Amino acid sequence: MRSIYMLAGFLMTAIGIVGVFLPLLPTTPFLLVAAWCFSRSSPRFEQWLLDHRTLGPPLANWRREGAISARAKIAAVALIAVSYGLFLYRLQPSLPLAVTVGLILAASVTFIVTRPLPGKD
């Protein structure tokens, strides 16, 4: 089982890193899953991820306080809005589907904006 967690951790880390460069692919959720997988398979890789200069701070903020930075909140909400706009424009979904997707995305936005901002150490 440890090998599966480690493999999943590396896969999630890779997807998270790709998300840094692709605007519609989220980074932090994949890195959170990677850290969780590494916590069950390799404390060394978990610590490497948490100590990483770029990838570590959002993970540490989430673990410590359940916090999301203002910059990350703005980016997430903006990308959700753009994604929904593209969904409506390109797919021209039925009204029930458009409303359902809109409600799911609105719930996601609500979750994101209601998380606290990271405190100053």
PDB file of N, CA and C in Angstrom:
ATOM      1  N   MET A   1       0.813  -1.187   0.000  1.00  0.00           N
ATOM      2  CA  MET A   1       0.000   0.000   0.000  1.00  0.00           C
ATOM      3  C   MET A   1       0.867   1.266   0.000  1.00  0.00           C
ATOM      4  N   ARG A   2       1.996   1.177   0.693  1.00  0.00           N
ATOM      5  CA  ARG A   2       2.898   2.325   0.755  1.00  0.00           C
ATOM      6  C   ARG A   2       3.370   2.734  -0.645  1.00  0.00           C
ATOM      7  N   SER A   3       3.653   1.761  -1.492  1.00  0.00           N
ATOM      8  CA  SER A   3       4.096   2.047  -2.860  1.00  0.00           C
ATOM      9  C   SER A   3       3.008   2.757  -3.660  1.00  0.00           C
ATOM     10  N   ILE A   4       1.771   2.359  -3.445  1.00  0.00           N
ATOM     11  CA  ILE A   4       0.653   2.996  -4.154  1.00  0.00           C
ATOM     12  C   ILE A   4       0.526   4.456  -3.720  1.00  0.00           C
ATOM     13  N   TYR A   5       0.628   4.696  -2.407  1.00  0.00           N
ATOM     14  CA  TYR A   5       0.566   6.078  -1.918  1.00  0.00           C
ATOM     15  C   TYR A   5       1.719   6.905  -2.482  1.00  0.00           C
ATOM     16  N   MET A   6       2.904   6.335  -2.545  1.00  0.00           N
ATOM     17  CA  MET A   6       4.050   7.076  -3.061  1.00  0.00           C
ATOM     18  C   MET A   6       3.859   7.382  -4.544  1.00  0.00           C
ATOM     19  N   LEU A   7       3.426   6.403  -5.312  1.00  0.00           N
ATOM     20  CA  LEU A   7       3.178   6.619  -6.733  1.00  0.00           C
ATOM     21  C   LEU A   7       2.102   7.694  -6.929  1.00  0.00           C
ATOM     22  N   ALA A   8       1.031   7.613  -6.158  1.00  0.00           N
ATOM     23  CA  ALA A   8      -0.029   8.626  -6.236  1.00  0.00           C
ATOM     24  C   ALA A   8       0.516  10.004  -5.850  1.00  0.00           C
ATOM     25  N   GLY A   9       1.376  10.058  -4.840  1.00  0.00           N
ATOM     26  CA  GLY A   9       1.975  11.327  -4.430  1.00  0.00           C
ATOM     27  C   GLY A   9       2.794  11.953  -5.542  1.00  0.00           C
ATOM     28  N   PHE A  10       3.598  11.146  -6.226  1.00  0.00           N
ATOM     29  CA  PHE A  10       4.394  11.674  -7.340  1.00  0.00           C
ATOM     30  C   PHE A  10       3.501  12.110  -8.492  1.00  0.00           C
ATOM     31  N   LEU A  11       2.460  11.336  -8.782  1.00  0.00           N
ATOM     32  CA  LEU A  11       1.537  11.692  -9.851  1.00  0.00           C
ATOM     33  C   LEU A  11       0.822  13.005  -9.536  1.00  0.00           C
ATOM     34  N   MET A  12       0.341  13.146  -8.315  1.00  0.00           N
ATOM     35  CA  MET A  12      -0.353  14.378  -7.922  1.00  0.00           C
ATOM     36  C   MET A  12       0.599  15.571  -7.913  1.00  0.00           C
ATOM     37  N   THR A  13       1.852  15.354  -7.503  1.00  0.00           N
ATOM     38  CA  THR A  13       2.845  16.431  -7.543  1.00  0.00           C
ATOM     39  C   THR A  13       3.082  16.868  -8.983  1.00  0.00           C
ATOM     40  N   ALA A  14       3.221  15.914  -9.881  1.00  0.00           N
ATOM     41  CA  ALA A  14       3.452  16.238 -11.293  1.00  0.00           C
ATOM     42  C   ALA A  14       2.276  17.021 -11.873  1.00  0.00           C
ATOM     43  N   ILE A  15       1.062  16.567 -11.596  1.00  0.00           N
ATOM     44  CA  ILE A  15      -0.120  17.281 -12.102  1.00  0.00           C
ATOM     45  C   ILE A  15      -0.185  18.681 -11.497  1.00  0.00           C
ATOM     46  N   GLY A  16       0.126  18.792 -10.207  1.00  0.00           N
ATOM     47  CA  GLY A  16       0.130  20.098  -9.559  1.00  0.00           C
ATOM     48  C   GLY A  16       1.140  21.047 -10.171  1.00  0.00           C
ATOM     49  N   ILE A  17       2.314  20.539 -10.498  1.00  0.00           N
ATOM     50  CA  ILE A  17       3.346  21.381 -11.120  1.00  0.00           C
ATOM     51  C   ILE A  17       2.909  21.808 -12.517  1.00  0.00           C
ATOM     52  N   VAL A  18       2.289  20.905 -13.264  1.00  0.00           N
ATOM     53  CA  VAL A  18       1.766  21.274 -14.576  1.00  0.00           C
ATOM     54  C   VAL A  18       0.719  22.382 -14.419  1.00  0.00           C
ATOM     55  N   GLY A  19      -0.068  22.310 -13.346  1.00  0.00           N
ATOM     56  CA  GLY A  19      -1.086  23.319 -13.084  1.00  0.00           C
ATOM     57  C   GLY A  19      -0.525  24.707 -12.847  1.00  0.00           C
ATOM     58  N   VAL A  20       0.736  24.794 -12.464  1.00  0.00           N
ATOM     59  CA  VAL A  20       1.371  26.113 -12.303  1.00  0.00           C
ATOM     60  C   VAL A  20       1.422  26.821 -13.658  1.00  0.00           C
ATOM     61  N   PHE A  21       1.577  26.056 -14.729  1.00  0.00           N
ATOM     62  CA  PHE A  21       1.752  26.626 -16.059  1.00  0.00           C
ATOM     63  C   PHE A  21       0.482  26.641 -16.903  1.00  0.00           C
ATOM     64  N   LEU A  22      -0.504  25.812 -16.556  1.00  0.00           N
ATOM     65  CA  LEU A  22      -1.769  25.776 -17.295  1.00  0.00           C
ATOM     66  C   LEU A  22      -2.842  26.458 -16.454  1.00  0.00           C
ATOM     67  N   PRO A  23      -3.374  27.567 -16.927  1.00  0.00           N
ATOM     68  CA  PRO A  23      -4.267  28.372 -16.096  1.00  0.00           C
ATOM     69  C   PRO A  23      -5.555  27.691 -15.655  1.00  0.00           C
ATOM     70  N   LEU A  24      -6.079  26.733 -16.389  1.00  0.00           N
ATOM     71  CA  LEU A  24      -7.344  26.109 -15.999  1.00  0.00           C
ATOM     72  C   LEU A  24      -7.163  24.868 -15.127  1.00  0.00           C
ATOM     73  N   LEU A  25      -5.928  24.487 -14.871  1.00  0.00           N
ATOM     74  CA  LEU A  25      -5.663  23.320 -14.036  1.00  0.00           C
ATOM     75  C   LEU A  25      -5.216  23.800 -12.652  1.00  0.00           C
ATOM     76  N   PRO A  26      -5.970  23.467 -11.613  1.00  0.00           N
ATOM     77  CA  PRO A  26      -5.601  23.945 -10.281  1.00  0.00           C
ATOM     78  C   PRO A  26      -4.329  23.266  -9.781  1.00  0.00           C
ATOM     79  N   THR A  27      -3.576  23.982  -8.993  1.00  0.00           N
ATOM     80  CA  THR A  27      -2.321  23.450  -8.467  1.00  0.00           C
ATOM     81  C   THR A  27      -2.473  22.938  -7.039  1.00  0.00           C
ATOM     82  N   THR A  28      -2.958  23.780  -6.161  1.00  0.00           N
ATOM     83  CA  THR A  28      -2.967  23.466  -4.732  1.00  0.00           C
ATOM     84  C   THR A  28      -3.743  22.205  -4.370  1.00  0.00           C
ATOM     85  N   PRO A  29      -4.940  21.960  -4.934  1.00  0.00           N
ATOM     86  CA  PRO A  29      -5.636  20.717  -4.548  1.00  0.00           C
ATOM     87  C   PRO A  29      -4.818  19.463  -4.850  1.00  0.00           C
ATOM     88  N   PHE A  30      -4.140  19.452  -5.984  1.00  0.00           N
ATOM     89  CA  PHE A  30      -3.308  18.292  -6.318  1.00  0.00           C
ATOM     90  C   PHE A  30      -2.131  18.168  -5.352  1.00  0.00           C
ATOM     91  N   LEU A  31      -1.555  19.300  -4.964  1.00  0.00           N
ATOM     92  CA  LEU A  31      -0.433  19.261  -4.028  1.00  0.00           C
ATOM     93  C   LEU A  31      -0.891  18.860  -2.629  1.00  0.00           C
ATOM     94  N   LEU A  32      -2.107  19.247  -2.250  1.00  0.00           N
ATOM     95  CA  LEU A  32      -2.651  18.801  -0.960  1.00  0.00           C
ATOM     96  C   LEU A  32      -2.801  17.282  -0.937  1.00  0.00           C
ATOM     97  N   VAL A  33      -3.307  16.735  -2.036  1.00  0.00           N
ATOM     98  CA  VAL A  33      -3.446  15.275  -2.122  1.00  0.00           C
ATOM     99  C   VAL A  33      -2.062  14.625  -2.124  1.00  0.00           C
ATOM    100  N   ALA A  34      -1.110  15.234  -2.831  1.00  0.00           N
ATOM    101  CA  ALA A  34       0.254  14.693  -2.857  1.00  0.00           C
ATOM    102  C   ALA A  34       0.852  14.661  -1.453  1.00  0.00           C
ATOM    103  N   ALA A  35       0.699  15.759  -0.713  1.00  0.00           N
ATOM    104  CA  ALA A  35       1.232  15.805   0.655  1.00  0.00           C
ATOM    105  C   ALA A  35       0.574  14.740   1.521  1.00  0.00           C
ATOM    106  N   TRP A  36      -0.730  14.553   1.361  1.00  0.00           N
ATOM    107  CA  TRP A  36      -1.440  13.519   2.115  1.00  0.00           C
ATOM    108  C   TRP A  36      -0.904  12.129   1.766  1.00  0.00           C
ATOM    109  N   CYS A  37      -0.710  11.873   0.468  1.00  0.00           N
ATOM    110  CA  CYS A  37      -0.169  10.571   0.042  1.00  0.00           C
ATOM    111  C   CYS A  37       1.235  10.357   0.590  1.00  0.00           C
ATOM    112  N   PHE A  38       2.055  11.403   0.517  1.00  0.00           N
ATOM    113  CA  PHE A  38       3.421  11.281   1.036  1.00  0.00           C
ATOM    114  C   PHE A  38       3.432  11.107   2.554  1.00  0.00           C
ATOM    115  N   SER A  39       2.451  11.673   3.247  1.00  0.00           N
ATOM    116  CA  SER A  39       2.410  11.504   4.710  1.00  0.00           C
ATOM    117  C   SER A  39       2.189  10.037   5.078  1.00  0.00           C
ATOM    118  N   ARG A  40       1.647   9.270   4.150  1.00  0.00           N
ATOM    119  CA  ARG A  40       1.404   7.851   4.393  1.00  0.00           C
ATOM    120  C   ARG A  40       2.452   6.946   3.763  1.00  0.00           C
ATOM    121  N   SER A  41       3.369   7.541   2.986  1.00  0.00           N
ATOM    122  CA  SER A  41       4.345   6.700   2.300  1.00  0.00           C
ATOM    123  C   SER A  41       5.783   7.144   2.506  1.00  0.00           C
ATOM    124  N   SER A  42       6.031   8.447   2.535  1.00  0.00           N
ATOM    125  CA  SER A  42       7.404   8.931   2.615  1.00  0.00           C
ATOM    126  C   SER A  42       7.459  10.281   3.323  1.00  0.00           C
ATOM    127  N   PRO A  43       7.734  10.274   4.620  1.00  0.00           N
ATOM    128  CA  PRO A  43       7.860  11.548   5.332  1.00  0.00           C
ATOM    129  C   PRO A  43       8.912  12.473   4.718  1.00  0.00           C
ATOM    130  N   ARG A  44       9.921  11.888   4.100  1.00  0.00           N
ATOM    131  CA  ARG A  44      10.963  12.691   3.468  1.00  0.00           C
ATOM    132  C   ARG A  44      10.401  13.516   2.306  1.00  0.00           C
ATOM    133  N   PHE A  45       9.606  12.877   1.440  1.00  0.00           N
ATOM    134  CA  PHE A  45       9.020  13.608   0.314  1.00  0.00           C
ATOM    135  C   PHE A  45       7.932  14.572   0.787  1.00  0.00           C
ATOM    136  N   GLU A  46       7.207  14.201   1.827  1.00  0.00           N
ATOM    137  CA  GLU A  46       6.220  15.117   2.392  1.00  0.00           C
ATOM    138  C   GLU A  46       6.924  16.392   2.873  1.00  0.00           C
ATOM    139  N   GLN A  47       8.027  16.235   3.590  1.00  0.00           N
ATOM    140  CA  GLN A  47       8.765  17.393   4.095  1.00  0.00           C
ATOM    141  C   GLN A  47       9.356  18.203   2.961  1.00  0.00           C
ATOM    142  N   TRP A  48       9.847  17.521   1.912  1.00  0.00           N
ATOM    143  CA  TRP A  48      10.386  18.233   0.748  1.00  0.00           C
ATOM    144  C   TRP A  48       9.304  19.120   0.142  1.00  0.00           C
ATOM    145  N   LEU A  49       8.103  18.577   0.000  1.00  0.00           N
ATOM    146  CA  LEU A  49       7.001  19.342  -0.578  1.00  0.00           C
ATOM    147  C   LEU A  49       6.628  20.530   0.307  1.00  0.00           C
ATOM    148  N   LEU A  50       6.552  20.298   1.598  1.00  0.00           N
ATOM    149  CA  LEU A  50       6.188  21.373   2.533  1.00  0.00           C
ATOM    150  C   LEU A  50       7.275  22.450   2.620  1.00  0.00           C
ATOM    151  N   ASP A  51       8.529  22.061   2.445  1.00  0.00           N
ATOM    152  CA  ASP A  51       9.642  23.009   2.523  1.00  0.00           C
ATOM    153  C   ASP A  51       9.959  23.683   1.190  1.00  0.00           C
ATOM    154  N   HIS A  52       9.323  23.240   0.108  1.00  0.00           N
ATOM    155  CA  HIS A  52       9.620  23.794  -1.219  1.00  0.00           C
ATOM    156  C   HIS A  52       9.325  25.291  -1.225  1.00  0.00           C
ATOM    157  N   ARG A  53      10.221  26.053  -1.811  1.00  0.00           N
ATOM    158  CA  ARG A  53      10.135  27.511  -1.807  1.00  0.00           C
ATOM    159  C   ARG A  53       8.848  28.022  -2.455  1.00  0.00           C
ATOM    160  N   THR A  54       8.409  27.404  -3.527  1.00  0.00           N
ATOM    161  CA  THR A  54       7.226  27.869  -4.253  1.00  0.00           C
ATOM    162  C   THR A  54       5.975  27.088  -3.884  1.00  0.00           C
ATOM    163  N   LEU A  55       6.098  25.778  -3.818  1.00  0.00           N
ATOM    164  CA  LEU A  55       4.930  24.924  -3.610  1.00  0.00           C
ATOM    165  C   LEU A  55       4.529  24.805  -2.146  1.00  0.00           C
ATOM    166  N   GLY A  56       5.463  25.002  -1.241  1.00  0.00           N
ATOM    167  CA  GLY A  56       5.216  24.763   0.167  1.00  0.00           C
ATOM    168  C   GLY A  56       4.310  25.757   0.889  1.00  0.00           C
ATOM    169  N   PRO A  57       4.451  27.066   0.664  1.00  0.00           N
ATOM    170  CA  PRO A  57       3.651  28.016   1.449  1.00  0.00           C
ATOM    171  C   PRO A  57       2.136  27.819   1.377  1.00  0.00           C
ATOM    172  N   PRO A  58       1.544  27.593   0.195  1.00  0.00           N
ATOM    173  CA  PRO A  58       0.089  27.370   0.201  1.00  0.00           C
ATOM    174  C   PRO A  58      -0.314  26.118   0.987  1.00  0.00           C
ATOM    175  N   LEU A  59       0.521  25.089   0.921  1.00  0.00           N
ATOM    176  CA  LEU A  59       0.243  23.865   1.670  1.00  0.00           C
ATOM    177  C   LEU A  59       0.339  24.109   3.174  1.00  0.00           C
ATOM    178  N   ALA A  60       1.365  24.824   3.565  1.00  0.00           N
ATOM    179  CA  ALA A  60       1.539  25.125   4.992  1.00  0.00           C
ATOM    180  C   ALA A  60       0.393  25.990   5.509  1.00  0.00           C
ATOM    181  N   ASN A  61      -0.027  26.981   4.723  1.00  0.00           N
ATOM    182  CA  ASN A  61      -1.150  27.834   5.125  1.00  0.00           C
ATOM    183  C   ASN A  61      -2.415  27.006   5.316  1.00  0.00           C
ATOM    184  N   TRP A  62      -2.655  26.082   4.387  1.00  0.00           N
ATOM    185  CA  TRP A  62      -3.861  25.260   4.483  1.00  0.00           C
ATOM    186  C   TRP A  62      -3.792  24.339   5.701  1.00  0.00           C
ATOM    187  N   ARG A  63      -2.665  23.698   5.896  1.00  0.00           N
ATOM    188  CA  ARG A  63      -2.525  22.774   7.032  1.00  0.00           C
ATOM    189  C   ARG A  63      -2.612  23.496   8.368  1.00  0.00           C
ATOM    190  N   ARG A  64      -1.984  24.653   8.449  1.00  0.00           N
ATOM    191  CA  ARG A  64      -1.912  25.383   9.705  1.00  0.00           C
ATOM    192  C   ARG A  64      -3.243  26.058  10.054  1.00  0.00           C
ATOM    193  N   GLU A  65      -3.883  26.680   9.053  1.00  0.00           N
ATOM    194  CA  GLU A  65      -5.041  27.530   9.345  1.00  0.00           C
ATOM    195  C   GLU A  65      -6.250  27.275   8.467  1.00  0.00           C
ATOM    196  N   GLY A  66      -6.141  26.379   7.490  1.00  0.00           N
ATOM    197  CA  GLY A  66      -7.224  26.240   6.523  1.00  0.00           C
ATOM    198  C   GLY A  66      -7.361  27.511   5.701  1.00  0.00           C
ATOM    199  N   ALA A  67      -6.228  28.201   5.483  1.00  0.00           N
ATOM    200  CA  ALA A  67      -6.221  29.526   4.869  1.00  0.00           C
ATOM    201  C   ALA A  67      -5.811  29.472   3.399  1.00  0.00           C
ATOM    202  N   ILE A  68      -6.364  30.432   2.646  1.00  0.00           N
ATOM    203  CA  ILE A  68      -6.019  30.611   1.238  1.00  0.00           C
ATOM    204  C   ILE A  68      -5.628  32.073   1.058  1.00  0.00           C
ATOM    205  N   SER A  69      -4.508  32.315   0.375  1.00  0.00           N
ATOM    206  CA  SER A  69      -4.041  33.690   0.182  1.00  0.00           C
ATOM    207  C   SER A  69      -5.009  34.470  -0.695  1.00  0.00           C
ATOM    208  N   ALA A  70      -4.983  35.781  -0.546  1.00  0.00           N
ATOM    209  CA  ALA A  70      -5.856  36.653  -1.337  1.00  0.00           C
ATOM    210  C   ALA A  70      -5.570  36.481  -2.832  1.00  0.00           C
ATOM    211  N   ARG A  71      -4.320  36.387  -3.187  1.00  0.00           N
ATOM    212  CA  ARG A  71      -3.943  36.214  -4.594  1.00  0.00           C
ATOM    213  C   ARG A  71      -4.517  34.916  -5.155  1.00  0.00           C
ATOM    214  N   ALA A  72      -4.425  33.842  -4.385  1.00  0.00           N
ATOM    215  CA  ALA A  72      -4.964  32.557  -4.839  1.00  0.00           C
ATOM    216  C   ALA A  72      -6.483  32.599  -4.938  1.00  0.00           C
ATOM    217  N   LYS A  73      -7.124  33.287  -4.001  1.00  0.00           N
ATOM    218  CA  LYS A  73      -8.586  33.431  -4.059  1.00  0.00           C
ATOM    219  C   LYS A  73      -9.011  34.171  -5.324  1.00  0.00           C
ATOM    220  N   ILE A  74      -8.339  35.280  -5.610  1.00  0.00           N
ATOM    221  CA  ILE A  74      -8.673  36.069  -6.793  1.00  0.00           C
ATOM    222  C   ILE A  74      -8.477  35.240  -8.059  1.00  0.00           C
ATOM    223  N   ALA A  75      -7.343  34.538  -8.139  1.00  0.00           N
ATOM    224  CA  ALA A  75      -7.069  33.715  -9.323  1.00  0.00           C
ATOM    225  C   ALA A  75      -8.106  32.609  -9.466  1.00  0.00           C
ATOM    226  N   ALA A  76      -8.445  31.952  -8.364  1.00  0.00           N
ATOM    227  CA  ALA A  76      -9.404  30.848  -8.426  1.00  0.00           C
ATOM    228  C   ALA A  76     -10.780  31.336  -8.860  1.00  0.00           C
ATOM    229  N   VAL A  77     -11.245  32.407  -8.263  1.00  0.00           N
ATOM    230  CA  VAL A  77     -12.574  32.927  -8.598  1.00  0.00           C
ATOM    231  C   VAL A  77     -12.600  33.419 -10.052  1.00  0.00           C
ATOM    232  N   ALA A  78     -11.556  34.092 -10.478  1.00  0.00           N
ATOM    233  CA  ALA A  78     -11.495  34.572 -11.859  1.00  0.00           C
ATOM    234  C   ALA A  78     -11.508  33.407 -12.844  1.00  0.00           C
ATOM    235  N   LEU A  79     -10.732  32.380 -12.559  1.00  0.00           N
ATOM    236  CA  LEU A  79     -10.688  31.225 -13.462  1.00  0.00           C
ATOM    237  C   LEU A  79     -12.008  30.459 -13.467  1.00  0.00           C
ATOM    238  N   ILE A  80     -12.668  30.391 -12.335  1.00  0.00           N
ATOM    239  CA  ILE A  80     -13.979  29.748 -12.290  1.00  0.00           C
ATOM    240  C   ILE A  80     -14.964  30.539 -13.153  1.00  0.00           C
ATOM    241  N   ALA A  81     -14.944  31.856 -13.037  1.00  0.00           N
ATOM    242  CA  ALA A  81     -15.843  32.697 -13.836  1.00  0.00           C
ATOM    243  C   ALA A  81     -15.566  32.544 -15.331  1.00  0.00           C
ATOM    244  N   VAL A  82     -14.293  32.573 -15.710  1.00  0.00           N
ATOM    245  CA  VAL A  82     -13.932  32.406 -17.121  1.00  0.00           C
ATOM    246  C   VAL A  82     -14.346  31.016 -17.617  1.00  0.00           C
ATOM    247  N   SER A  83     -14.103  30.005 -16.799  1.00  0.00           N
ATOM    248  CA  SER A  83     -14.478  28.639 -17.185  1.00  0.00           C
ATOM    249  C   SER A  83     -15.979  28.516 -17.394  1.00  0.00           C
ATOM    250  N   TYR A  84     -16.761  29.117 -16.513  1.00  0.00           N
ATOM    251  CA  TYR A  84     -18.212  29.055 -16.651  1.00  0.00           C
ATOM    252  C   TYR A  84     -18.665  29.819 -17.896  1.00  0.00           C
ATOM    253  N   GLY A  85     -18.044  30.949 -18.142  1.00  0.00           N
ATOM    254  CA  GLY A  85     -18.362  31.703 -19.357  1.00  0.00           C
ATOM    255  C   GLY A  85     -18.068  30.896 -20.611  1.00  0.00           C
ATOM    256  N   LEU A  86     -16.926  30.243 -20.643  1.00  0.00           N
ATOM    257  CA  LEU A  86     -16.581  29.391 -21.789  1.00  0.00           C
ATOM    258  C   LEU A  86     -17.531  28.207 -21.908  1.00  0.00           C
ATOM    259  N   PHE A  87     -17.896  27.630 -20.773  1.00  0.00           N
ATOM    260  CA  PHE A  87     -18.861  26.523 -20.759  1.00  0.00           C
ATOM    261  C   PHE A  87     -20.175  26.967 -21.402  1.00  0.00           C
ATOM    262  N   LEU A  88     -20.673  28.143 -21.005  1.00  0.00           N
ATOM    263  CA  LEU A  88     -21.936  28.639 -21.551  1.00  0.00           C
ATOM    264  C   LEU A  88     -21.815  28.952 -23.041  1.00  0.00           C
ATOM    265  N   TYR A  89     -20.716  29.592 -23.413  1.00  0.00           N
ATOM    266  CA  TYR A  89     -20.526  30.023 -24.798  1.00  0.00           C
ATOM    267  C   TYR A  89     -20.320  28.842 -25.749  1.00  0.00           C
ATOM    268  N   ARG A  90     -19.417  27.948 -25.373  1.00  0.00           N
ATOM    269  CA  ARG A  90     -19.039  26.851 -26.285  1.00  0.00           C
ATOM    270  C   ARG A  90     -20.065  25.725 -26.336  1.00  0.00           C
ATOM    271  N   LEU A  91     -20.634  25.367 -25.195  1.00  0.00           N
ATOM    272  CA  LEU A  91     -21.535  24.213 -25.161  1.00  0.00           C
ATOM    273  C   LEU A  91     -23.003  24.587 -25.309  1.00  0.00           C
ATOM    274  N   GLN A  92     -23.341  25.831 -24.990  1.00  0.00           N
ATOM    275  CA  GLN A  92     -24.728  26.277 -25.020  1.00  0.00           C
ATOM    276  C   GLN A  92     -25.634  25.217 -24.376  1.00  0.00           C
ATOM    277  N   PRO A  93     -25.402  24.962 -23.086  1.00  0.00           N
ATOM    278  CA  PRO A  93     -26.126  23.878 -22.411  1.00  0.00           C
ATOM    279  C   PRO A  93     -27.600  24.225 -22.198  1.00  0.00           C
ATOM    280  N   SER A  94     -28.359  23.195 -21.892  1.00  0.00           N
ATOM    281  CA  SER A  94     -29.761  23.420 -21.542  1.00  0.00           C
ATOM    282  C   SER A  94     -29.815  24.233 -20.250  1.00  0.00           C
ATOM    283  N   LEU A  95     -30.947  24.875 -20.016  1.00  0.00           N
ATOM    284  CA  LEU A  95     -31.082  25.701 -18.815  1.00  0.00           C
ATOM    285  C   LEU A  95     -30.856  24.895 -17.534  1.00  0.00           C
ATOM    286  N   PRO A  96     -31.433  23.687 -17.401  1.00  0.00           N
ATOM    287  CA  PRO A  96     -31.185  22.935 -16.163  1.00  0.00           C
ATOM    288  C   PRO A  96     -29.699  22.606 -15.949  1.00  0.00           C
ATOM    289  N   LEU A  97     -29.006  22.246 -17.030  1.00  0.00           N
ATOM    290  CA  LEU A  97     -27.577  21.940 -16.898  1.00  0.00           C
ATOM    291  C   LEU A  97     -26.792  23.202 -16.548  1.00  0.00           C
ATOM    292  N   ALA A  98     -27.100  24.308 -17.192  1.00  0.00           N
ATOM    293  CA  ALA A  98     -26.402  25.568 -16.916  1.00  0.00           C
ATOM    294  C   ALA A  98     -26.613  25.989 -15.464  1.00  0.00           C
ATOM    295  N   VAL A  99     -27.837  25.843 -14.963  1.00  0.00           N
ATOM    296  CA  VAL A  99     -28.129  26.208 -13.573  1.00  0.00           C
ATOM    297  C   VAL A  99     -27.412  25.267 -12.610  1.00  0.00           C
ATOM    298  N   THR A 100     -27.434  23.970 -12.897  1.00  0.00           N
ATOM    299  CA  THR A 100     -26.764  22.998 -12.028  1.00  0.00           C
ATOM    300  C   THR A 100     -25.269  23.275 -11.940  1.00  0.00           C
ATOM    301  N   VAL A 101     -24.633  23.453 -13.077  1.00  0.00           N
ATOM    302  CA  VAL A 101     -23.197  23.752 -13.087  1.00  0.00           C
ATOM    303  C   VAL A 101     -22.939  25.086 -12.388  1.00  0.00           C
ATOM    304  N   GLY A 102     -23.776  26.072 -12.641  1.00  0.00           N
ATOM    305  CA  GLY A 102     -23.621  27.375 -11.992  1.00  0.00           C
ATOM    306  C   GLY A 102     -23.719  27.276 -10.476  1.00  0.00           C
ATOM    307  N   LEU A 103     -24.659  26.472  -9.985  1.00  0.00           N
ATOM    308  CA  LEU A 103     -24.802  26.299  -8.530  1.00  0.00           C
ATOM    309  C   LEU A 103     -23.593  25.594  -7.926  1.00  0.00           C
ATOM    310  N   ILE A 104     -23.081  24.588  -8.623  1.00  0.00           N
ATOM    311  CA  ILE A 104     -21.887  23.884  -8.135  1.00  0.00           C
ATOM    312  C   ILE A 104     -20.697  24.840  -8.081  1.00  0.00           C
ATOM    313  N   LEU A 105     -20.533  25.635  -9.134  1.00  0.00           N
ATOM    314  CA  LEU A 105     -19.418  26.586  -9.159  1.00  0.00           C
ATOM    315  C   LEU A 105     -19.617  27.690  -8.123  1.00  0.00           C
ATOM    316  N   ALA A 106     -20.857  28.123  -7.933  1.00  0.00           N
ATOM    317  CA  ALA A 106     -21.128  29.147  -6.906  1.00  0.00           C
ATOM    318  C   ALA A 106     -20.794  28.608  -5.517  1.00  0.00           C
ATOM    319  N   ALA A 107     -21.104  27.332  -5.267  1.00  0.00           N
ATOM    320  CA  ALA A 107     -20.751  26.722  -3.983  1.00  0.00           C
ATOM    321  C   ALA A 107     -19.231  26.668  -3.823  1.00  0.00           C
ATOM    322  N   SER A 108     -18.529  26.353  -4.912  1.00  0.00           N
ATOM    323  CA  SER A 108     -17.066  26.319  -4.869  1.00  0.00           C
ATOM    324  C   SER A 108     -16.499  27.702  -4.568  1.00  0.00           C
ATOM    325  N   VAL A 109     -17.032  28.713  -5.230  1.00  0.00           N
ATOM    326  CA  VAL A 109     -16.579  30.089  -4.995  1.00  0.00           C
ATOM    327  C   VAL A 109     -16.853  30.489  -3.551  1.00  0.00           C
ATOM    328  N   THR A 110     -18.038  30.141  -3.054  1.00  0.00           N
ATOM    329  CA  THR A 110     -18.381  30.472  -1.664  1.00  0.00           C
ATOM    330  C   THR A 110     -17.386  29.839  -0.699  1.00  0.00           C
ATOM    331  N   PHE A 111     -17.055  28.571  -0.934  1.00  0.00           N
ATOM    332  CA  PHE A 111     -16.070  27.902  -0.084  1.00  0.00           C
ATOM    333  C   PHE A 111     -14.740  28.633  -0.124  1.00  0.00           C
ATOM    334  N   ILE A 112     -14.284  28.973  -1.317  1.00  0.00           N
ATOM    335  CA  ILE A 112     -12.980  29.619  -1.477  1.00  0.00           C
ATOM    336  C   ILE A 112     -12.941  30.973  -0.767  1.00  0.00           C
ATOM    337  N   VAL A 113     -13.937  31.812  -1.014  1.00  0.00           N
ATOM    338  CA  VAL A 113     -13.882  33.174  -0.456  1.00  0.00           C
ATOM    339  C   VAL A 113     -14.133  33.211   1.045  1.00  0.00           C
ATOM    340  N   THR A 114     -14.734  32.167   1.595  1.00  0.00           N
ATOM    341  CA  THR A 114     -14.973  32.161   3.046  1.00  0.00           C
ATOM    342  C   THR A 114     -13.821  31.556   3.842  1.00  0.00           C
ATOM    343  N   ARG A 115     -12.796  31.044   3.184  1.00  0.00           N
ATOM    344  CA  ARG A 115     -11.612  30.565   3.906  1.00  0.00           C
ATOM    345  C   ARG A 115     -10.860  31.782   4.422  1.00  0.00           C
ATOM    346  N   PRO A 116     -10.244  31.643   5.578  1.00  0.00           N
ATOM    347  CA  PRO A 116      -9.492  32.781   6.122  1.00  0.00           C
ATOM    348  C   PRO A 116      -8.242  33.078   5.304  1.00  0.00           C
ATOM    349  N   LEU A 117      -7.767  34.296   5.445  1.00  0.00           N
ATOM    350  CA  LEU A 117      -6.464  34.657   4.855  1.00  0.00           C
ATOM    351  C   LEU A 117      -5.374  34.173   5.807  1.00  0.00           C
ATOM    352  N   PRO A 118      -4.214  33.822   5.271  1.00  0.00           N
ATOM    353  CA  PRO A 118      -3.129  33.385   6.151  1.00  0.00           C
ATOM    354  C   PRO A 118      -2.725  34.481   7.123  1.00  0.00           C
ATOM    355  N   GLY A 119      -2.487  34.086   8.368  1.00  0.00           N
ATOM    356  CA  GLY A 119      -1.999  35.030   9.370  1.00  0.00           C
ATOM    357  C   GLY A 119      -0.522  35.290   9.175  1.00  0.00           C
ATOM    358  N   LYS A 120      -0.058  36.356   9.742  1.00  0.00           N
ATOM    359  CA  LYS A 120       1.368  36.684   9.668  1.00  0.00           C
ATOM    360  C   LYS A 120       2.080  35.980  10.812  1.00  0.00           C
ATOM    361  N   ASP A 121       3.189  35.347  10.488  1.00  0.00           N
ATOM    362  CA  ASP A 121       3.990  34.650  11.520  1.00  0.00           C
ATOM    363  C   ASP A 121       4.861  35.606  12.272  1.00  0.00           C
TER     364      ASP A 121
END
